[in-house]
Amino acid sequence: MVRPLAVRRHNEIVQRLRAAGSVSVGELANTFGVSHETIRRDLKLLADQGHLDVVHGGAARRGMMEPSISQREAENAEGKGAIARTAAGMVQDSASVLLDSGTTTEALSYELVGRPGLTVFTNSLNHALTLCRVSGNRIVMLGGEIDNNDEATFGTGTATGIDSVRADIAFIGVGGFAEDGGMTDYSAIAAETRGKMIVAGRAYLLADHTKFTRRTPFRVPSMDKVAGVIVDRQPDGALTKAWEKLGWQIIIAK
């Protein structure tokens, strides 16, 4: 039987989700003065009841959770492939490359298979496995807790790993964009991780056109440090102007 105090807490969590779109475990634990474990149990119960989706580090309003890797792989594969080929052409021989997780960067990892002698930093289990099989490559797996939805590491260990490396070039996956053109993501921890990746090397965002109007809840920091964005088609005038105002180079893949 669920106690009255827990019921009130559950109702408040649902109300916060409706207002903000997402909540974190730490934020809720501090608000209600309970342990992180109690909040995780609350979120699991509410997810089972259909009120929310549990995401890494918190919860999101149902329908705002990022689809699984397998679902995303089939979405605009042609556009992602074009972006990947263009990005691969920007990688010089013997370069050090920071490669984010995601399906567009996954396509890029396949394009890099024929490029031995690279040093690749990545939080993606799949990218590391693909590229470690190439003789002469040096693959550094960034630590952290594995998110089974993204099949990649996030969190404190990942952040520490990023802080310790320097890449010649970095390729960052995209969850969505805000109205002002800034990059957004599905969870606070993913947004923080990608913000750190942006300052670890000359950073390019990889964004197929399905992301142009996708609104995800958490802003990614360090937008002023982004060098450019590689896309599969020209965005509309408002988004183009927003990116130009941010100082980004817009590269349209062929």
C-alpha atoms as a PDB file:
ATOM      1  CA  MET A   1       0.000   0.000   0.000  1.00  0.00           C
ATOM      2  CA  VAL A   2       1.323   3.439  -0.961  1.00  0.00           C
ATOM      3  CA  ARG A   3       1.433   5.840   2.004  1.00  0.00           C
ATOM      4  CA  PRO A   4      -0.380   9.217   1.829  1.00  0.00           C
ATOM      5  CA  LEU A   5       2.918  11.153   1.933  1.00  0.00           C
ATOM      6  CA  ALA A   6       4.187   9.151  -1.021  1.00  0.00           C
ATOM      7  CA  VAL A   7       0.951   9.775  -2.933  1.00  0.00           C
ATOM      8  CA  ARG A   8       1.334  13.524  -2.434  1.00  0.00           C
ATOM      9  CA  ARG A   9       4.959  13.301  -3.553  1.00  0.00           C
ATOM     10  CA  HIS A  10       3.943  11.340  -6.655  1.00  0.00           C
ATOM     11  CA  ASN A  11       1.298  13.922  -7.533  1.00  0.00           C
ATOM     12  CA  GLU A  12       3.825  16.729  -7.153  1.00  0.00           C
ATOM     13  CA  ILE A  13       6.331  14.896  -9.365  1.00  0.00           C
ATOM     14  CA  VAL A  14       3.712  14.519 -12.106  1.00  0.00           C
ATOM     15  CA  GLN A  15       2.786  18.215 -11.820  1.00  0.00           C
ATOM     16  CA  ARG A  16       6.437  19.231 -12.102  1.00  0.00           C
ATOM     17  CA  LEU A  17       6.829  17.063 -15.189  1.00  0.00           C
ATOM     18  CA  ARG A  18       3.806  18.637 -16.842  1.00  0.00           C
ATOM     19  CA  ALA A  19       5.241  22.088 -16.222  1.00  0.00           C
ATOM     20  CA  ALA A  20       8.932  21.501 -16.991  1.00  0.00           C
ATOM     21  CA  GLY A  21       8.940  18.456 -19.267  1.00  0.00           C
ATOM     22  CA  SER A  22      11.673  16.717 -17.268  1.00  0.00           C
ATOM     23  CA  VAL A  23      13.033  16.344 -13.736  1.00  0.00           C
ATOM     24  CA  SER A  24      16.242  14.981 -12.220  1.00  0.00           C
ATOM     25  CA  VAL A  25      16.618  12.524  -9.351  1.00  0.00           C
ATOM     26  CA  GLY A  26      18.895  14.913  -7.447  1.00  0.00           C
ATOM     27  CA  GLU A  27      16.506  17.838  -7.798  1.00  0.00           C
ATOM     28  CA  LEU A  28      13.541  15.786  -6.545  1.00  0.00           C
ATOM     29  CA  ALA A  29      15.498  14.256  -3.658  1.00  0.00           C
ATOM     30  CA  ASN A  30      16.506  17.740  -2.477  1.00  0.00           C
ATOM     31  CA  THR A  31      12.988  19.111  -2.883  1.00  0.00           C
ATOM     32  CA  PHE A  32      11.284  16.345  -0.919  1.00  0.00           C
ATOM     33  CA  GLY A  33      14.088  15.605   1.555  1.00  0.00           C
ATOM     34  CA  VAL A  34      14.266  11.902   0.687  1.00  0.00           C
ATOM     35  CA  SER A  35      17.000   9.637  -0.659  1.00  0.00           C
ATOM     36  CA  HIS A  36      17.873   9.217  -4.315  1.00  0.00           C
ATOM     37  CA  GLU A  37      16.801   5.572  -4.005  1.00  0.00           C
ATOM     38  CA  THR A  38      13.330   6.611  -2.825  1.00  0.00           C
ATOM     39  CA  ILE A  39      12.956   8.937  -5.816  1.00  0.00           C
ATOM     40  CA  ARG A  40      14.099   6.208  -8.224  1.00  0.00           C
ATOM     41  CA  ARG A  41      11.416   3.897  -6.792  1.00  0.00           C
ATOM     42  CA  ASP A  42       8.845   6.700  -7.183  1.00  0.00           C
ATOM     43  CA  LEU A  43       9.801   7.231 -10.804  1.00  0.00           C
ATOM     44  CA  LYS A  44       9.681   3.521 -11.606  1.00  0.00           C
ATOM     45  CA  LEU A  45       6.185   3.271 -10.098  1.00  0.00           C
ATOM     46  CA  LEU A  46       4.988   6.333 -12.017  1.00  0.00           C
ATOM     47  CA  ALA A  47       6.513   4.958 -15.224  1.00  0.00           C
ATOM     48  CA  ASP A  48       4.701   1.645 -14.688  1.00  0.00           C
ATOM     49  CA  GLN A  49       1.480   3.647 -14.303  1.00  0.00           C
ATOM     50  CA  GLY A  50       2.126   5.427 -17.610  1.00  0.00           C
ATOM     51  CA  HIS A  51       2.786   8.913 -16.216  1.00  0.00           C
ATOM     52  CA  LEU A  52       6.382   9.352 -17.383  1.00  0.00           C
ATOM     53  CA  ASP A  53       9.459   7.861 -19.011  1.00  0.00           C
ATOM     54  CA  VAL A  54      12.504   7.104 -16.853  1.00  0.00           C
ATOM     55  CA  VAL A  55      15.660   8.560 -18.399  1.00  0.00           C
ATOM     56  CA  HIS A  56      19.271   8.541 -17.254  1.00  0.00           C
ATOM     57  CA  GLY A  57      19.427  10.637 -14.098  1.00  0.00           C
ATOM     58  CA  GLY A  58      15.710  11.431 -13.878  1.00  0.00           C
ATOM     59  CA  ALA A  59      12.438  11.331 -15.797  1.00  0.00           C
ATOM     60  CA  ALA A  60      10.779  12.988 -18.767  1.00  0.00           C
ATOM     61  CA  ARG A  61       7.196  13.617 -19.766  1.00  0.00           C
ATOM     62  CA  ARG A  62       5.964  10.548 -21.649  1.00  0.00           C
ATOM     63  CA  GLY A  63       6.909  10.804 -25.309  1.00  0.00           C
ATOM     64  CA  MET A  64       9.982  12.977 -24.649  1.00  0.00           C
ATOM     65  CA  MET A  65      12.392  10.080 -24.085  1.00  0.00           C
ATOM     66  CA  GLU A  66      14.957   9.508 -26.805  1.00  0.00           C
ATOM     67  CA  PRO A  67      14.154   6.462 -28.974  1.00  0.00           C
ATOM     68  CA  SER A  68      16.477   3.465 -28.782  1.00  0.00           C
ATOM     69  CA  ILE A  69      19.550   3.100 -30.994  1.00  0.00           C
ATOM     70  CA  SER A  70      17.804   0.471 -33.142  1.00  0.00           C
ATOM     71  CA  GLN A  71      14.827   2.781 -33.745  1.00  0.00           C
ATOM     72  CA  ARG A  72      17.037   5.752 -34.615  1.00  0.00           C
ATOM     73  CA  GLU A  73      19.252   3.805 -37.024  1.00  0.00           C
ATOM     74  CA  ALA A  74      16.379   3.495 -39.496  1.00  0.00           C
ATOM     75  CA  GLU A  75      15.496   7.207 -39.383  1.00  0.00           C
ATOM     76  CA  ASN A  76      16.882   9.125 -42.397  1.00  0.00           C
ATOM     77  CA  ALA A  77      19.779   6.713 -42.895  1.00  0.00           C
ATOM     78  CA  GLU A  78      20.600   8.291 -46.267  1.00  0.00           C
ATOM     79  CA  GLY A  79      20.947  11.780 -44.783  1.00  0.00           C
ATOM     80  CA  LYS A  80      23.065  10.516 -41.896  1.00  0.00           C
ATOM     81  CA  GLY A  81      25.298   8.663 -44.340  1.00  0.00           C
ATOM     82  CA  ALA A  82      25.914  11.840 -46.352  1.00  0.00           C
ATOM     83  CA  ILE A  83      26.767  13.761 -43.168  1.00  0.00           C
ATOM     84  CA  ALA A  84      29.128  10.974 -42.107  1.00  0.00           C
ATOM     85  CA  ARG A  85      31.000  10.996 -45.428  1.00  0.00           C
ATOM     86  CA  THR A  86      31.436  14.763 -45.277  1.00  0.00           C
ATOM     87  CA  ALA A  87      32.654  14.612 -41.663  1.00  0.00           C
ATOM     88  CA  ALA A  88      35.109  11.813 -42.476  1.00  0.00           C
ATOM     89  CA  GLY A  89      36.613  14.002 -45.206  1.00  0.00           C
ATOM     90  CA  MET A  90      37.490  16.569 -42.534  1.00  0.00           C
ATOM     91  CA  VAL A  91      39.620  14.110 -40.523  1.00  0.00           C
ATOM     92  CA  GLN A  92      43.312  14.322 -41.308  1.00  0.00           C
ATOM     93  CA  ASP A  93      45.707  11.371 -41.230  1.00  0.00           C
ATOM     94  CA  SER A  94      46.926  10.450 -37.729  1.00  0.00           C
ATOM     95  CA  ALA A  95      44.431  12.887 -36.165  1.00  0.00           C
ATOM     96  CA  SER A  96      42.983  12.639 -32.697  1.00  0.00           C
ATOM     97  CA  VAL A  97      39.183  12.519 -32.900  1.00  0.00           C
ATOM     98  CA  LEU A  98      36.534  12.808 -30.206  1.00  0.00           C
ATOM     99  CA  LEU A  99      33.471  10.858 -31.338  1.00  0.00           C
ATOM    100  CA  ASP A 100      30.179  11.227 -29.491  1.00  0.00           C
ATOM    101  CA  SER A 101      27.601   8.452 -29.236  1.00  0.00           C
ATOM    102  CA  GLY A 102      24.561   8.313 -31.525  1.00  0.00           C
ATOM    103  CA  THR A 103      23.484   6.966 -34.896  1.00  0.00           C
ATOM    104  CA  THR A 104      24.926   9.733 -37.097  1.00  0.00           C
ATOM    105  CA  THR A 105      28.293   9.385 -35.377  1.00  0.00           C
ATOM    106  CA  GLU A 106      27.868   5.613 -35.753  1.00  0.00           C
ATOM    107  CA  ALA A 107      27.695   6.133 -39.529  1.00  0.00           C
ATOM    108  CA  LEU A 108      30.853   8.242 -39.202  1.00  0.00           C
ATOM    109  CA  SER A 109      32.651   5.459 -37.313  1.00  0.00           C
ATOM    110  CA  TYR A 110      32.060   3.148 -40.302  1.00  0.00           C
ATOM    111  CA  GLU A 111      33.476   5.789 -42.657  1.00  0.00           C
ATOM    112  CA  LEU A 112      36.613   5.979 -40.502  1.00  0.00           C
ATOM    113  CA  VAL A 113      37.295   2.230 -40.661  1.00  0.00           C
ATOM    114  CA  GLY A 114      39.555   2.749 -43.674  1.00  0.00           C
ATOM    115  CA  ARG A 115      41.607   5.381 -41.854  1.00  0.00           C
ATOM    116  CA  PRO A 116      44.277   3.666 -39.701  1.00  0.00           C
ATOM    117  CA  GLY A 117      46.527   5.629 -37.387  1.00  0.00           C
ATOM    118  CA  LEU A 118      43.779   7.565 -35.649  1.00  0.00           C
ATOM    119  CA  THR A 119      43.481   8.234 -31.922  1.00  0.00           C
ATOM    120  CA  VAL A 120      39.768   8.111 -31.124  1.00  0.00           C
ATOM    121  CA  PHE A 121      38.175   9.165 -27.839  1.00  0.00           C
ATOM    122  CA  THR A 122      34.585   7.999 -27.485  1.00  0.00           C
ATOM    123  CA  ASN A 123      31.865   7.230 -24.963  1.00  0.00           C
ATOM    124  CA  SER A 124      30.107   4.855 -27.375  1.00  0.00           C
ATOM    125  CA  LEU A 125      30.557   1.113 -26.879  1.00  0.00           C
ATOM    126  CA  ASN A 126      29.652   0.465 -30.523  1.00  0.00           C
ATOM    127  CA  HIS A 127      32.037   3.057 -31.983  1.00  0.00           C
ATOM    128  CA  ALA A 128      34.898   1.770 -29.828  1.00  0.00           C
ATOM    129  CA  LEU A 129      34.264  -1.815 -30.934  1.00  0.00           C
ATOM    130  CA  THR A 130      34.088  -0.852 -34.615  1.00  0.00           C
ATOM    131  CA  LEU A 131      37.287   1.194 -34.632  1.00  0.00           C
ATOM    132  CA  CYS A 132      39.428  -0.888 -32.256  1.00  0.00           C
ATOM    133  CA  ARG A 133      39.455  -3.627 -34.918  1.00  0.00           C
ATOM    134  CA  VAL A 134      41.417  -1.373 -37.292  1.00  0.00           C
ATOM    135  CA  SER A 135      45.130  -2.085 -37.030  1.00  0.00           C
ATOM    136  CA  GLY A 136      47.111   0.989 -36.018  1.00  0.00           C
ATOM    137  CA  ASN A 137      44.246   2.821 -34.339  1.00  0.00           C
ATOM    138  CA  ARG A 138      44.384   3.852 -30.696  1.00  0.00           C
ATOM    139  CA  ILE A 139      40.953   3.843 -29.064  1.00  0.00           C
ATOM    140  CA  VAL A 140      40.330   5.472 -25.682  1.00  0.00           C
ATOM    141  CA  MET A 141      37.010   4.582 -24.076  1.00  0.00           C
ATOM    142  CA  LEU A 142      35.693   7.384 -21.862  1.00  0.00           C
ATOM    143  CA  GLY A 143      34.549   6.017 -18.512  1.00  0.00           C
ATOM    144  CA  GLY A 144      31.258   6.456 -16.711  1.00  0.00           C
ATOM    145  CA  GLU A 145      27.956   4.711 -16.195  1.00  0.00           C
ATOM    146  CA  ILE A 146      26.527   2.932 -19.240  1.00  0.00           C
ATOM    147  CA  ASP A 147      23.172   4.180 -20.525  1.00  0.00           C
ATOM    148  CA  ASN A 148      21.625   1.094 -22.127  1.00  0.00           C
ATOM    149  CA  ASN A 149      19.323   3.184 -24.328  1.00  0.00           C
ATOM    150  CA  ASP A 150      22.255   5.003 -25.953  1.00  0.00           C
ATOM    151  CA  GLU A 151      24.749   2.134 -25.478  1.00  0.00           C
ATOM    152  CA  ALA A 152      27.253   4.692 -24.223  1.00  0.00           C
ATOM    153  CA  THR A 153      28.748   6.078 -21.030  1.00  0.00           C
ATOM    154  CA  PHE A 154      27.625   9.267 -19.293  1.00  0.00           C
ATOM    155  CA  GLY A 155      28.142  10.859 -15.893  1.00  0.00           C
ATOM    156  CA  THR A 156      31.027  11.877 -13.671  1.00  0.00           C
ATOM    157  CA  GLY A 157      33.469   9.309 -15.042  1.00  0.00           C
ATOM    158  CA  THR A 158      32.776  10.400 -18.608  1.00  0.00           C
ATOM    159  CA  ALA A 159      33.184  14.071 -17.730  1.00  0.00           C
ATOM    160  CA  THR A 160      36.513  13.369 -16.011  1.00  0.00           C
ATOM    161  CA  GLY A 161      37.675  11.427 -19.055  1.00  0.00           C
ATOM    162  CA  ILE A 162      36.776  14.266 -21.415  1.00  0.00           C
ATOM    163  CA  ASP A 163      38.613  16.777 -19.229  1.00  0.00           C
ATOM    164  CA  SER A 164      41.796  14.727 -19.553  1.00  0.00           C
ATOM    165  CA  VAL A 165      41.959  14.606 -23.371  1.00  0.00           C
ATOM    166  CA  ARG A 166      42.657  16.986 -26.250  1.00  0.00           C
ATOM    167  CA  ALA A 167      41.257  16.216 -29.694  1.00  0.00           C
ATOM    168  CA  ASP A 168      42.123  17.788 -33.043  1.00  0.00           C
ATOM    169  CA  ILE A 169      38.464  17.578 -34.015  1.00  0.00           C
ATOM    170  CA  ALA A 170      35.243  16.564 -32.246  1.00  0.00           C
ATOM    171  CA  PHE A 171      31.976  15.349 -33.749  1.00  0.00           C
ATOM    172  CA  ILE A 172      28.910  15.757 -31.557  1.00  0.00           C
ATOM    173  CA  GLY A 173      25.477  14.173 -31.971  1.00  0.00           C
ATOM    174  CA  VAL A 174      22.339  16.308 -31.650  1.00  0.00           C
ATOM    175  CA  GLY A 175      19.066  15.703 -29.795  1.00  0.00           C
ATOM    176  CA  GLY A 176      17.325  18.830 -31.039  1.00  0.00           C
ATOM    177  CA  PHE A 177      17.483  22.603 -31.280  1.00  0.00           C
ATOM    178  CA  ALA A 178      15.837  25.446 -29.356  1.00  0.00           C
ATOM    179  CA  GLU A 179      14.069  28.296 -31.117  1.00  0.00           C
ATOM    180  CA  ASP A 180      17.221  30.435 -30.853  1.00  0.00           C
ATOM    181  CA  GLY A 181      19.280  27.788 -32.664  1.00  0.00           C
ATOM    182  CA  GLY A 182      21.082  26.426 -29.593  1.00  0.00           C
ATOM    183  CA  MET A 183      21.510  22.666 -29.249  1.00  0.00           C
ATOM    184  CA  THR A 184      19.329  20.748 -26.782  1.00  0.00           C
ATOM    185  CA  ASP A 185      19.216  17.202 -25.437  1.00  0.00           C
ATOM    186  CA  TYR A 186      16.909  14.692 -23.760  1.00  0.00           C
ATOM    187  CA  SER A 187      18.531  14.671 -20.298  1.00  0.00           C
ATOM    188  CA  ALA A 188      20.586  17.021 -18.160  1.00  0.00           C
ATOM    189  CA  ILE A 189      23.463  14.571 -17.914  1.00  0.00           C
ATOM    190  CA  ALA A 190      23.625  14.096 -21.699  1.00  0.00           C
ATOM    191  CA  ALA A 191      23.538  17.862 -22.229  1.00  0.00           C
ATOM    192  CA  GLU A 192      26.375  18.384 -19.732  1.00  0.00           C
ATOM    193  CA  THR A 193      28.461  15.611 -21.322  1.00  0.00           C
ATOM    194  CA  ARG A 194      28.072  17.041 -24.817  1.00  0.00           C
ATOM    195  CA  GLY A 195      28.870  20.532 -23.563  1.00  0.00           C
ATOM    196  CA  LYS A 196      32.198  19.214 -22.278  1.00  0.00           C
ATOM    197  CA  MET A 197      32.859  17.419 -25.564  1.00  0.00           C
ATOM    198  CA  ILE A 198      32.419  20.693 -27.456  1.00  0.00           C
ATOM    199  CA  VAL A 199      35.372  22.304 -25.669  1.00  0.00           C
ATOM    200  CA  ALA A 200      37.632  19.235 -26.006  1.00  0.00           C
ATOM    201  CA  GLY A 201      38.447  19.903 -29.673  1.00  0.00           C
ATOM    202  CA  ARG A 202      37.341  21.839 -32.759  1.00  0.00           C
ATOM    203  CA  ALA A 203      33.706  20.800 -32.538  1.00  0.00           C
ATOM    204  CA  TYR A 204      31.191  20.135 -35.282  1.00  0.00           C
ATOM    205  CA  LEU A 205      27.588  19.165 -34.655  1.00  0.00           C
ATOM    206  CA  LEU A 206      26.140  16.411 -36.850  1.00  0.00           C
ATOM    207  CA  ALA A 207      22.448  17.140 -37.441  1.00  0.00           C
ATOM    208  CA  ASP A 208      20.212  15.611 -40.086  1.00  0.00           C
ATOM    209  CA  HIS A 209      17.092  17.605 -40.993  1.00  0.00           C
ATOM    210  CA  THR A 210      14.806  15.610 -38.660  1.00  0.00           C
ATOM    211  CA  LYS A 211      16.495  17.425 -35.746  1.00  0.00           C
ATOM    212  CA  PHE A 212      15.849  20.972 -37.030  1.00  0.00           C
ATOM    213  CA  THR A 213      12.420  21.323 -35.390  1.00  0.00           C
ATOM    214  CA  ARG A 214      12.831  18.758 -32.596  1.00  0.00           C
ATOM    215  CA  ARG A 215      12.516  20.416 -29.195  1.00  0.00           C
ATOM    216  CA  THR A 216      14.270  18.488 -26.412  1.00  0.00           C
ATOM    217  CA  PRO A 217      14.199  19.826 -22.846  1.00  0.00           C
ATOM    218  CA  PHE A 218      17.807  20.475 -21.777  1.00  0.00           C
ATOM    219  CA  ARG A 219      20.141  23.105 -23.217  1.00  0.00           C
ATOM    220  CA  VAL A 220      23.674  22.047 -24.114  1.00  0.00           C
ATOM    221  CA  PRO A 221      26.266  24.593 -22.876  1.00  0.00           C
ATOM    222  CA  SER A 222      29.210  26.140 -24.755  1.00  0.00           C
ATOM    223  CA  MET A 223      27.330  26.977 -27.959  1.00  0.00           C
ATOM    224  CA  ASP A 224      29.803  29.814 -28.557  1.00  0.00           C
ATOM    225  CA  LYS A 225      32.597  27.223 -28.799  1.00  0.00           C
ATOM    226  CA  VAL A 226      30.987  25.267 -31.671  1.00  0.00           C
ATOM    227  CA  ALA A 227      32.917  25.591 -34.954  1.00  0.00           C
ATOM    228  CA  GLY A 228      30.125  24.464 -37.234  1.00  0.00           C
ATOM    229  CA  VAL A 229      27.221  22.168 -38.026  1.00  0.00           C
ATOM    230  CA  ILE A 230      27.125  19.506 -40.743  1.00  0.00           C
ATOM    231  CA  VAL A 231      23.634  18.947 -42.157  1.00  0.00           C
ATOM    232  CA  ASP A 232      21.982  16.973 -44.948  1.00  0.00           C
ATOM    233  CA  ARG A 233      19.945  19.936 -46.223  1.00  0.00           C
ATOM    234  CA  GLN A 234      19.746  23.682 -45.772  1.00  0.00           C
ATOM    235  CA  PRO A 235      17.593  24.614 -42.752  1.00  0.00           C
ATOM    236  CA  ASP A 236      14.878  27.263 -43.015  1.00  0.00           C
ATOM    237  CA  GLY A 237      15.781  30.945 -42.945  1.00  0.00           C
ATOM    238  CA  ALA A 238      15.185  31.478 -39.219  1.00  0.00           C
ATOM    239  CA  LEU A 239      17.404  28.572 -38.163  1.00  0.00           C
ATOM    240  CA  THR A 240      20.087  29.523 -40.674  1.00  0.00           C
ATOM    241  CA  LYS A 241      20.157  33.075 -39.295  1.00  0.00           C
ATOM    242  CA  ALA A 242      20.289  31.774 -35.711  1.00  0.00           C
ATOM    243  CA  TRP A 243      23.292  29.583 -36.503  1.00  0.00           C
ATOM    244  CA  GLU A 244      25.037  32.379 -38.384  1.00  0.00           C
ATOM    245  CA  LYS A 245      24.487  34.665 -35.396  1.00  0.00           C
ATOM    246  CA  LEU A 246      26.172  32.020 -33.207  1.00  0.00           C
ATOM    247  CA  GLY A 247      29.125  32.116 -35.612  1.00  0.00           C
ATOM    248  CA  TRP A 248      28.748  28.540 -36.853  1.00  0.00           C
ATOM    249  CA  GLN A 249      29.961  27.367 -40.244  1.00  0.00           C
ATOM    250  CA  ILE A 250      27.032  25.589 -41.978  1.00  0.00           C
ATOM    251  CA  ILE A 251      28.286  22.661 -44.050  1.00  0.00           C
ATOM    252  CA  ILE A 252      25.737  20.942 -46.311  1.00  0.00           C
ATOM    253  CA  ALA A 253      26.678  17.320 -46.979  1.00  0.00           C
ATOM    254  CA  LYS A 254      26.691  16.028 -50.548  1.00  0.00           C
END
